[in-house]
Amino acid sequence: MYPQAIFGLDSLRLLLGPIALFGIAFFVLYLRQDGIRVARAVVLLLGICVLALLGAKLFSLGVRGWELREPLYQELRGGWRYPGALIAMVLGAPLLQRLILPELSIRRFLDVLAITVCFAFALVRISCFMNGCCTGVQCDGGYCLSYAVGSQVWYNHWQAHLLASPADRSLAVVPLHLLFMAASLAVGLFLMWFDQRRSFDGQIALLYLVLHDGAKGLLESLREPYVAQLQATSLGIAAAGLLVLLWISHLRRRRAAPS
């Protein structure tokens, strides 16, 4: 059972600062051997954080038909979708990198950013756990959790008339956010290990798209309520990353082959 006392915390805003500080420290320390300018790296990552939040919010609004939550301050407490954050970073981060930290190779920048994002998103899932959002289907195993009054899953169950009383906890569900967290951590650790064995700069970023978004896309099958756009977007990103990775590998083999 989930400890009810922790609900009611505005967990995302509570954790956003520490997560951002962790991401900046991890990125800078990971690239310290490249001689990058720390101040510019901090500015770059802060800009990327803003891009990610904006993309996550816009994607969430799009999925919900551009309907704002009522009261309006609820929009700041939830309604953030990872695919939107990733798309915003992929589109906007290279431009910010060229403007703020041009001495760093764009492909190497994306590699280290991918590893950083894995661990940052794993930490973001703590807020999902605290709020009782991003949960899975109903279940009755020992790994299933019920959530307190006021959590997102409780609200969904109450709206669906699955609870006898508004004072009841939610039904037991798959803690999908913990599976997302485990996937992000596992991919991040693998990419750190593989980074020393990479064949070319940019390979880690592409592997991130294939592994991280592929795993997320598969796990989205367990989400309740199911959101088709989330699964389709994650699987589409993973497929695109795989195609680019295979295409680059093919070109490299052709160049290495004796004429």
C-alpha atoms as a PDB file:
ATOM      1  CA  MET A   1       0.000   0.000   0.000  1.00  0.00           C
ATOM      2  CA  TYR A   2       1.166   3.523  -0.767  1.00  0.00           C
ATOM      3  CA  PRO A   3       1.751   5.883   2.188  1.00  0.00           C
ATOM      4  CA  GLN A   4      -1.141   8.318   2.009  1.00  0.00           C
ATOM      5  CA  ALA A   5       0.682  11.112   3.789  1.00  0.00           C
ATOM      6  CA  ILE A   6       2.857  11.807   0.762  1.00  0.00           C
ATOM      7  CA  PHE A   7      -0.045  12.651  -1.533  1.00  0.00           C
ATOM      8  CA  GLY A   8      -0.985  16.266  -1.801  1.00  0.00           C
ATOM      9  CA  LEU A   9       2.631  17.283  -2.416  1.00  0.00           C
ATOM     10  CA  ASP A  10       3.132  19.100  -5.680  1.00  0.00           C
ATOM     11  CA  SER A  11       5.798  16.544  -6.450  1.00  0.00           C
ATOM     12  CA  LEU A  12       6.817  17.588  -9.934  1.00  0.00           C
ATOM     13  CA  ARG A  13       7.576  21.170  -8.906  1.00  0.00           C
ATOM     14  CA  LEU A  14       9.137  19.851  -5.702  1.00  0.00           C
ATOM     15  CA  LEU A  15      11.542  17.610  -7.622  1.00  0.00           C
ATOM     16  CA  LEU A  16      12.087  19.694 -10.741  1.00  0.00           C
ATOM     17  CA  GLY A  17      14.882  21.783  -9.237  1.00  0.00           C
ATOM     18  CA  PRO A  18      16.889  18.844  -7.838  1.00  0.00           C
ATOM     19  CA  ILE A  19      16.441  16.892 -11.075  1.00  0.00           C
ATOM     20  CA  ALA A  20      17.647  19.840 -13.141  1.00  0.00           C
ATOM     21  CA  LEU A  21      20.684  20.281 -10.883  1.00  0.00           C
ATOM     22  CA  PHE A  22      21.458  16.577 -11.152  1.00  0.00           C
ATOM     23  CA  GLY A  23      21.210  16.681 -14.944  1.00  0.00           C
ATOM     24  CA  ILE A  24      23.499  19.689 -15.214  1.00  0.00           C
ATOM     25  CA  ALA A  25      26.082  18.187 -12.841  1.00  0.00           C
ATOM     26  CA  PHE A  26      25.999  14.812 -14.589  1.00  0.00           C
ATOM     27  CA  PHE A  27      26.370  16.364 -18.051  1.00  0.00           C
ATOM     28  CA  VAL A  28      29.226  18.662 -17.074  1.00  0.00           C
ATOM     29  CA  LEU A  29      31.141  15.997 -15.136  1.00  0.00           C
ATOM     30  CA  TYR A  30      30.688  13.443 -17.908  1.00  0.00           C
ATOM     31  CA  LEU A  31      32.180  15.842 -20.449  1.00  0.00           C
ATOM     32  CA  ARG A  32      34.887  17.312 -18.237  1.00  0.00           C
ATOM     33  CA  GLN A  33      37.603  15.499 -20.198  1.00  0.00           C
ATOM     34  CA  ASP A  34      36.508  17.342 -23.371  1.00  0.00           C
ATOM     35  CA  GLY A  35      37.489  20.701 -21.909  1.00  0.00           C
ATOM     36  CA  ILE A  36      34.056  22.302 -22.294  1.00  0.00           C
ATOM     37  CA  ARG A  37      33.213  25.621 -20.677  1.00  0.00           C
ATOM     38  CA  VAL A  38      31.175  24.864 -17.582  1.00  0.00           C
ATOM     39  CA  ALA A  39      29.179  28.112 -17.538  1.00  0.00           C
ATOM     40  CA  ARG A  40      28.067  27.692 -21.130  1.00  0.00           C
ATOM     41  CA  ALA A  41      27.192  24.023 -20.517  1.00  0.00           C
ATOM     42  CA  VAL A  42      24.947  25.057 -17.613  1.00  0.00           C
ATOM     43  CA  VAL A  43      23.186  27.680 -19.750  1.00  0.00           C
ATOM     44  CA  LEU A  44      22.748  25.139 -22.538  1.00  0.00           C
ATOM     45  CA  LEU A  45      21.170  22.532 -20.287  1.00  0.00           C
ATOM     46  CA  LEU A  46      18.857  25.070 -18.659  1.00  0.00           C
ATOM     47  CA  GLY A  47      17.667  26.020 -22.118  1.00  0.00           C
ATOM     48  CA  ILE A  48      17.109  22.362 -22.975  1.00  0.00           C
ATOM     49  CA  CYS A  49      15.084  21.908 -19.772  1.00  0.00           C
ATOM     50  CA  VAL A  50      12.804  24.768 -20.821  1.00  0.00           C
ATOM     51  CA  LEU A  51      12.405  23.210 -24.271  1.00  0.00           C
ATOM     52  CA  ALA A  52      11.581  19.811 -22.763  1.00  0.00           C
ATOM     53  CA  LEU A  53       8.936  21.221 -20.409  1.00  0.00           C
ATOM     54  CA  LEU A  54       7.325  23.236 -23.186  1.00  0.00           C
ATOM     55  CA  GLY A  55       7.268  20.229 -25.528  1.00  0.00           C
ATOM     56  CA  ALA A  56       5.878  17.943 -22.819  1.00  0.00           C
ATOM     57  CA  LYS A  57       3.060  20.371 -22.055  1.00  0.00           C
ATOM     58  CA  LEU A  58       2.137  20.981 -25.704  1.00  0.00           C
ATOM     59  CA  PHE A  59       2.068  17.238 -26.444  1.00  0.00           C
ATOM     60  CA  SER A  60      -0.147  16.646 -23.405  1.00  0.00           C
ATOM     61  CA  LEU A  61      -2.541  19.386 -24.501  1.00  0.00           C
ATOM     62  CA  GLY A  62      -2.660  17.922 -27.994  1.00  0.00           C
ATOM     63  CA  VAL A  63      -3.534  14.469 -26.666  1.00  0.00           C
ATOM     64  CA  ARG A  64      -6.321  16.045 -24.572  1.00  0.00           C
ATOM     65  CA  GLY A  65      -7.765  17.984 -27.498  1.00  0.00           C
ATOM     66  CA  TRP A  66      -6.213  21.265 -26.283  1.00  0.00           C
ATOM     67  CA  GLU A  67      -8.530  21.384 -23.280  1.00  0.00           C
ATOM     68  CA  LEU A  68      -7.031  23.109 -20.245  1.00  0.00           C
ATOM     69  CA  ARG A  69      -7.486  21.607 -16.810  1.00  0.00           C
ATOM     70  CA  GLU A  70      -9.762  23.382 -14.368  1.00  0.00           C
ATOM     71  CA  PRO A  71      -8.849  25.185 -12.205  1.00  0.00           C
ATOM     72  CA  LEU A  72      -5.991  26.471 -14.341  1.00  0.00           C
ATOM     73  CA  TYR A  73      -3.285  25.945 -11.710  1.00  0.00           C
ATOM     74  CA  GLN A  74      -3.829  22.186 -12.142  1.00  0.00           C
ATOM     75  CA  GLU A  75      -1.992  22.494 -15.457  1.00  0.00           C
ATOM     76  CA  LEU A  76       1.186  23.200 -13.499  1.00  0.00           C
ATOM     77  CA  ARG A  77       0.708  20.134 -11.300  1.00  0.00           C
ATOM     78  CA  GLY A  78       0.438  17.557 -14.070  1.00  0.00           C
ATOM     79  CA  GLY A  79      -0.234  16.929 -17.719  1.00  0.00           C
ATOM     80  CA  TRP A  80       3.318  16.451 -18.992  1.00  0.00           C
ATOM     81  CA  ARG A  81       4.052  13.874 -21.686  1.00  0.00           C
ATOM     82  CA  TYR A  82       7.512  12.468 -22.343  1.00  0.00           C
ATOM     83  CA  PRO A  83       7.233  12.121 -26.165  1.00  0.00           C
ATOM     84  CA  GLY A  84       6.652  15.859 -26.457  1.00  0.00           C
ATOM     85  CA  ALA A  85       9.728  16.564 -24.343  1.00  0.00           C
ATOM     86  CA  LEU A  86      11.857  14.265 -26.513  1.00  0.00           C
ATOM     87  CA  ILE A  87      10.599  15.754 -29.782  1.00  0.00           C
ATOM     88  CA  ALA A  88      11.273  19.284 -28.511  1.00  0.00           C
ATOM     89  CA  MET A  89      14.808  18.329 -27.459  1.00  0.00           C
ATOM     90  CA  VAL A  90      15.587  16.580 -30.755  1.00  0.00           C
ATOM     91  CA  LEU A  91      14.386  19.586 -32.746  1.00  0.00           C
ATOM     92  CA  GLY A  92      15.645  22.420 -30.563  1.00  0.00           C
ATOM     93  CA  ALA A  93      18.697  21.159 -28.663  1.00  0.00           C
ATOM     94  CA  PRO A  94      21.077  21.076 -31.688  1.00  0.00           C
ATOM     95  CA  LEU A  95      20.267  24.718 -32.462  1.00  0.00           C
ATOM     96  CA  LEU A  96      20.895  25.748 -28.857  1.00  0.00           C
ATOM     97  CA  GLN A  97      24.131  23.757 -28.867  1.00  0.00           C
ATOM     98  CA  ARG A  98      25.414  25.577 -31.954  1.00  0.00           C
ATOM     99  CA  LEU A  99      24.564  28.957 -30.434  1.00  0.00           C
ATOM    100  CA  ILE A 100      25.830  28.370 -26.895  1.00  0.00           C
ATOM    101  CA  LEU A 101      28.495  25.635 -27.017  1.00  0.00           C
ATOM    102  CA  PRO A 102      29.746  25.433 -30.635  1.00  0.00           C
ATOM    103  CA  GLU A 103      33.115  23.883 -29.732  1.00  0.00           C
ATOM    104  CA  LEU A 104      31.392  20.631 -28.722  1.00  0.00           C
ATOM    105  CA  SER A 105      30.663  18.155 -31.521  1.00  0.00           C
ATOM    106  CA  ILE A 106      26.919  17.987 -32.088  1.00  0.00           C
ATOM    107  CA  ARG A 107      26.992  14.194 -32.253  1.00  0.00           C
ATOM    108  CA  ARG A 108      28.989  13.908 -29.037  1.00  0.00           C
ATOM    109  CA  PHE A 109      26.649  16.412 -27.426  1.00  0.00           C
ATOM    110  CA  LEU A 110      23.642  14.254 -28.323  1.00  0.00           C
ATOM    111  CA  ASP A 111      25.363  11.119 -26.986  1.00  0.00           C
ATOM    112  CA  VAL A 112      25.970  12.605 -23.546  1.00  0.00           C
ATOM    113  CA  LEU A 113      22.565  14.287 -23.520  1.00  0.00           C
ATOM    114  CA  ALA A 114      20.938  10.900 -24.172  1.00  0.00           C
ATOM    115  CA  ILE A 115      22.683   9.299 -21.197  1.00  0.00           C
ATOM    116  CA  THR A 116      21.802  12.280 -18.989  1.00  0.00           C
ATOM    117  CA  VAL A 117      18.145  12.156 -20.045  1.00  0.00           C
ATOM    118  CA  CYS A 118      17.894   8.462 -19.092  1.00  0.00           C
ATOM    119  CA  PHE A 119      18.765   9.153 -15.473  1.00  0.00           C
ATOM    120  CA  ALA A 120      16.816  12.430 -15.339  1.00  0.00           C
ATOM    121  CA  PHE A 121      13.634  10.741 -16.550  1.00  0.00           C
ATOM    122  CA  ALA A 122      14.129   7.938 -14.066  1.00  0.00           C
ATOM    123  CA  LEU A 123      14.069  10.596 -11.335  1.00  0.00           C
ATOM    124  CA  VAL A 124      10.982  12.233 -12.861  1.00  0.00           C
ATOM    125  CA  ARG A 125       9.139   8.929 -12.321  1.00  0.00           C
ATOM    126  CA  ILE A 126       9.438   9.522  -8.572  1.00  0.00           C
ATOM    127  CA  SER A 127       6.916  12.339  -8.998  1.00  0.00           C
ATOM    128  CA  CYS A 128       4.613   9.936 -10.863  1.00  0.00           C
ATOM    129  CA  PHE A 129       4.885   7.547  -7.918  1.00  0.00           C
ATOM    130  CA  MET A 130       4.094  10.322  -5.449  1.00  0.00           C
ATOM    131  CA  ASN A 131       1.094  11.572  -7.440  1.00  0.00           C
ATOM    132  CA  GLY A 132      -0.280   8.160  -8.376  1.00  0.00           C
ATOM    133  CA  CYS A 133      -0.253   8.947 -12.098  1.00  0.00           C
ATOM    134  CA  CYS A 134       1.022   6.958 -15.098  1.00  0.00           C
ATOM    135  CA  THR A 135      -0.277   3.737 -13.555  1.00  0.00           C
ATOM    136  CA  GLY A 136      -1.230   0.515 -15.292  1.00  0.00           C
ATOM    137  CA  VAL A 137      -4.115  -1.901 -15.524  1.00  0.00           C
ATOM    138  CA  GLN A 138      -5.907  -3.344 -12.506  1.00  0.00           C
ATOM    139  CA  CYS A 139      -4.253  -6.371 -10.956  1.00  0.00           C
ATOM    140  CA  ASP A 140      -4.213  -8.424  -7.763  1.00  0.00           C
ATOM    141  CA  GLY A 141      -0.625  -9.669  -7.489  1.00  0.00           C
ATOM    142  CA  GLY A 142       1.805  -8.884  -4.692  1.00  0.00           C
ATOM    143  CA  TYR A 143       3.463  -6.244  -6.866  1.00  0.00           C
ATOM    144  CA  CYS A 144       0.209  -4.304  -7.366  1.00  0.00           C
ATOM    145  CA  LEU A 145      -0.373  -1.062  -5.447  1.00  0.00           C
ATOM    146  CA  SER A 146      -3.427   0.911  -4.408  1.00  0.00           C
ATOM    147  CA  TYR A 147      -3.202   4.679  -4.158  1.00  0.00           C
ATOM    148  CA  ALA A 148      -4.614   7.246  -1.796  1.00  0.00           C
ATOM    149  CA  VAL A 149      -7.544   9.582  -2.198  1.00  0.00           C
ATOM    150  CA  GLY A 150      -6.581  12.518  -4.410  1.00  0.00           C
ATOM    151  CA  SER A 151      -4.155  10.601  -6.601  1.00  0.00           C
ATOM    152  CA  GLN A 152      -4.686  10.506 -10.352  1.00  0.00           C
ATOM    153  CA  VAL A 153      -5.531   6.815 -10.429  1.00  0.00           C
ATOM    154  CA  TRP A 154      -8.007   7.283  -7.582  1.00  0.00           C
ATOM    155  CA  TYR A 155      -9.696  10.056  -9.559  1.00  0.00           C
ATOM    156  CA  ASN A 156      -9.916   7.825 -12.651  1.00  0.00           C
ATOM    157  CA  HIS A 157     -11.465   5.001 -10.650  1.00  0.00           C
ATOM    158  CA  TRP A 158     -13.928   7.345  -8.925  1.00  0.00           C
ATOM    159  CA  GLN A 159     -14.980   8.852 -12.242  1.00  0.00           C
ATOM    160  CA  ALA A 160     -15.494   5.337 -13.649  1.00  0.00           C
ATOM    161  CA  HIS A 161     -17.728   4.450 -10.628  1.00  0.00           C
ATOM    162  CA  LEU A 162     -15.359   1.688  -9.537  1.00  0.00           C
ATOM    163  CA  LEU A 163     -15.227   2.854  -5.908  1.00  0.00           C
ATOM    164  CA  ALA A 164     -18.042   2.463  -3.392  1.00  0.00           C
ATOM    165  CA  SER A 165     -17.086   5.638  -1.539  1.00  0.00           C
ATOM    166  CA  PRO A 166     -14.912   8.669  -2.264  1.00  0.00           C
ATOM    167  CA  ALA A 167     -13.072   7.826   0.963  1.00  0.00           C
ATOM    168  CA  ASP A 168     -11.884   4.501  -0.490  1.00  0.00           C
ATOM    169  CA  ARG A 169      -8.400   4.101  -1.888  1.00  0.00           C
ATOM    170  CA  SER A 170      -7.990   3.250  -5.545  1.00  0.00           C
ATOM    171  CA  LEU A 171      -8.151  -0.309  -6.755  1.00  0.00           C
ATOM    172  CA  ALA A 172      -4.832  -2.136  -6.977  1.00  0.00           C
ATOM    173  CA  VAL A 173      -3.023  -1.460 -10.239  1.00  0.00           C
ATOM    174  CA  VAL A 174       0.288  -2.168 -11.931  1.00  0.00           C
ATOM    175  CA  PRO A 175       2.791   0.515 -10.783  1.00  0.00           C
ATOM    176  CA  LEU A 176       3.706   1.324 -14.371  1.00  0.00           C
ATOM    177  CA  HIS A 177       5.761   4.373 -13.388  1.00  0.00           C
ATOM    178  CA  LEU A 178       8.183   2.060 -11.544  1.00  0.00           C
ATOM    179  CA  LEU A 179       8.574  -0.048 -14.695  1.00  0.00           C
ATOM    180  CA  PHE A 180       9.285   3.123 -16.671  1.00  0.00           C
ATOM    181  CA  MET A 181      11.847   4.071 -14.030  1.00  0.00           C
ATOM    182  CA  ALA A 182      13.543   0.674 -14.208  1.00  0.00           C
ATOM    183  CA  ALA A 183      13.680   0.851 -18.010  1.00  0.00           C
ATOM    184  CA  SER A 184      15.255   4.327 -17.960  1.00  0.00           C
ATOM    185  CA  LEU A 185      17.860   3.255 -15.387  1.00  0.00           C
ATOM    186  CA  ALA A 186      18.702   0.053 -17.261  1.00  0.00           C
ATOM    187  CA  VAL A 187      19.110   1.844 -20.589  1.00  0.00           C
ATOM    188  CA  GLY A 188      21.174   4.608 -18.964  1.00  0.00           C
ATOM    189  CA  LEU A 189      23.573   2.137 -17.355  1.00  0.00           C
ATOM    190  CA  PHE A 190      23.919   0.181 -20.595  1.00  0.00           C
ATOM    191  CA  LEU A 191      24.637   3.341 -22.595  1.00  0.00           C
ATOM    192  CA  MET A 192      27.298   4.424 -20.080  1.00  0.00           C
ATOM    193  CA  TRP A 193      28.976   1.028 -20.470  1.00  0.00           C
ATOM    194  CA  PHE A 194      28.675   1.019 -24.262  1.00  0.00           C
ATOM    195  CA  ASP A 195      29.884   4.614 -24.571  1.00  0.00           C
ATOM    196  CA  GLN A 196      33.492   3.453 -24.129  1.00  0.00           C
ATOM    197  CA  ARG A 197      32.952   0.934 -26.930  1.00  0.00           C
ATOM    198  CA  ARG A 198      31.032   3.083 -29.416  1.00  0.00           C
ATOM    199  CA  SER A 199      32.042   2.939 -33.064  1.00  0.00           C
ATOM    200  CA  PHE A 200      31.184   6.565 -33.852  1.00  0.00           C
ATOM    201  CA  ASP A 201      29.869   9.698 -32.187  1.00  0.00           C
ATOM    202  CA  GLY A 202      26.094   9.767 -32.380  1.00  0.00           C
ATOM    203  CA  GLN A 203      25.741   6.014 -31.925  1.00  0.00           C
ATOM    204  CA  ILE A 204      24.755   6.375 -28.266  1.00  0.00           C
ATOM    205  CA  ALA A 205      22.004   8.887 -29.102  1.00  0.00           C
ATOM    206  CA  LEU A 206      20.566   6.541 -31.720  1.00  0.00           C
ATOM    207  CA  LEU A 207      20.728   3.581 -29.346  1.00  0.00           C
ATOM    208  CA  TYR A 208      18.886   5.699 -26.812  1.00  0.00           C
ATOM    209  CA  LEU A 209      16.031   6.219 -29.257  1.00  0.00           C
ATOM    210  CA  VAL A 210      15.879   2.525 -30.086  1.00  0.00           C
ATOM    211  CA  LEU A 211      16.180   1.110 -26.562  1.00  0.00           C
ATOM    212  CA  HIS A 212      14.582   3.753 -24.342  1.00  0.00           C
ATOM    213  CA  ASP A 213      11.642   4.618 -26.555  1.00  0.00           C
ATOM    214  CA  GLY A 214      11.249   1.026 -27.697  1.00  0.00           C
ATOM    215  CA  ALA A 215      10.926  -0.106 -24.073  1.00  0.00           C
ATOM    216  CA  LYS A 216       8.566   2.762 -23.284  1.00  0.00           C
ATOM    217  CA  GLY A 217       6.434   1.955 -26.304  1.00  0.00           C
ATOM    218  CA  LEU A 218       6.059  -1.658 -25.205  1.00  0.00           C
ATOM    219  CA  LEU A 219       5.250  -0.676 -21.612  1.00  0.00           C
ATOM    220  CA  GLU A 220       2.582   1.751 -22.817  1.00  0.00           C
ATOM    221  CA  SER A 221       0.434  -1.322 -23.542  1.00  0.00           C
ATOM    222  CA  LEU A 222      -0.085  -1.598 -19.766  1.00  0.00           C
ATOM    223  CA  ARG A 223      -1.216   2.014 -19.232  1.00  0.00           C
ATOM    224  CA  GLU A 224      -4.734   2.579 -17.946  1.00  0.00           C
ATOM    225  CA  PRO A 225      -6.405   4.535 -19.388  1.00  0.00           C
ATOM    226  CA  TYR A 226      -4.623   3.549 -22.575  1.00  0.00           C
ATOM    227  CA  VAL A 227      -3.365   6.448 -24.720  1.00  0.00           C
ATOM    228  CA  ALA A 228      -2.715   5.294 -28.272  1.00  0.00           C
ATOM    229  CA  GLN A 229      -0.801   8.453 -29.225  1.00  0.00           C
ATOM    230  CA  LEU A 230       1.809   7.819 -26.529  1.00  0.00           C
ATOM    231  CA  GLN A 231       2.497   4.274 -27.655  1.00  0.00           C
ATOM    232  CA  ALA A 232       2.476   5.113 -31.351  1.00  0.00           C
ATOM    233  CA  THR A 233       4.844   8.065 -30.873  1.00  0.00           C
ATOM    234  CA  SER A 234       7.342   6.111 -28.760  1.00  0.00           C
ATOM    235  CA  LEU A 235       7.372   3.127 -31.129  1.00  0.00           C
ATOM    236  CA  GLY A 236       7.643   5.460 -34.127  1.00  0.00           C
ATOM    237  CA  ILE A 237      10.644   7.235 -32.596  1.00  0.00           C
ATOM    238  CA  ALA A 238      12.298   3.882 -31.821  1.00  0.00           C
ATOM    239  CA  ALA A 239      11.705   2.654 -35.378  1.00  0.00           C
ATOM    240  CA  ALA A 240      13.118   5.872 -36.866  1.00  0.00           C
ATOM    241  CA  GLY A 241      16.199   5.603 -34.646  1.00  0.00           C
ATOM    242  CA  LEU A 242      16.722   1.988 -35.697  1.00  0.00           C
ATOM    243  CA  LEU A 243      16.473   2.832 -39.393  1.00  0.00           C
ATOM    244  CA  VAL A 244      19.024   5.648 -39.074  1.00  0.00           C
ATOM    245  CA  LEU A 245      21.346   3.416 -37.039  1.00  0.00           C
ATOM    246  CA  LEU A 246      21.177   0.622 -39.632  1.00  0.00           C
ATOM    247  CA  TRP A 247      21.685   3.094 -42.485  1.00  0.00           C
ATOM    248  CA  ILE A 248      24.793   4.615 -40.871  1.00  0.00           C
ATOM    249  CA  SER A 249      26.176   1.138 -40.087  1.00  0.00           C
ATOM    250  CA  HIS A 250      25.636   0.145 -43.722  1.00  0.00           C
ATOM    251  CA  LEU A 251      27.479   3.237 -44.975  1.00  0.00           C
ATOM    252  CA  ARG A 252      30.367   2.605 -42.597  1.00  0.00           C
ATOM    253  CA  ARG A 253      30.692  -1.010 -43.779  1.00  0.00           C
ATOM    254  CA  ARG A 254      30.709   0.107 -47.401  1.00  0.00           C
ATOM    255  CA  ARG A 255      33.462   2.638 -46.730  1.00  0.00           C
ATOM    256  CA  ALA A 256      35.517   0.091 -44.819  1.00  0.00           C
ATOM    257  CA  ALA A 257      35.175  -2.582 -47.528  1.00  0.00           C
ATOM    258  CA  PRO A 258      38.236  -2.954 -49.823  1.00  0.00           C
ATOM    259  CA  SER A 259      37.682  -1.415 -53.247  1.00  0.00           C
END
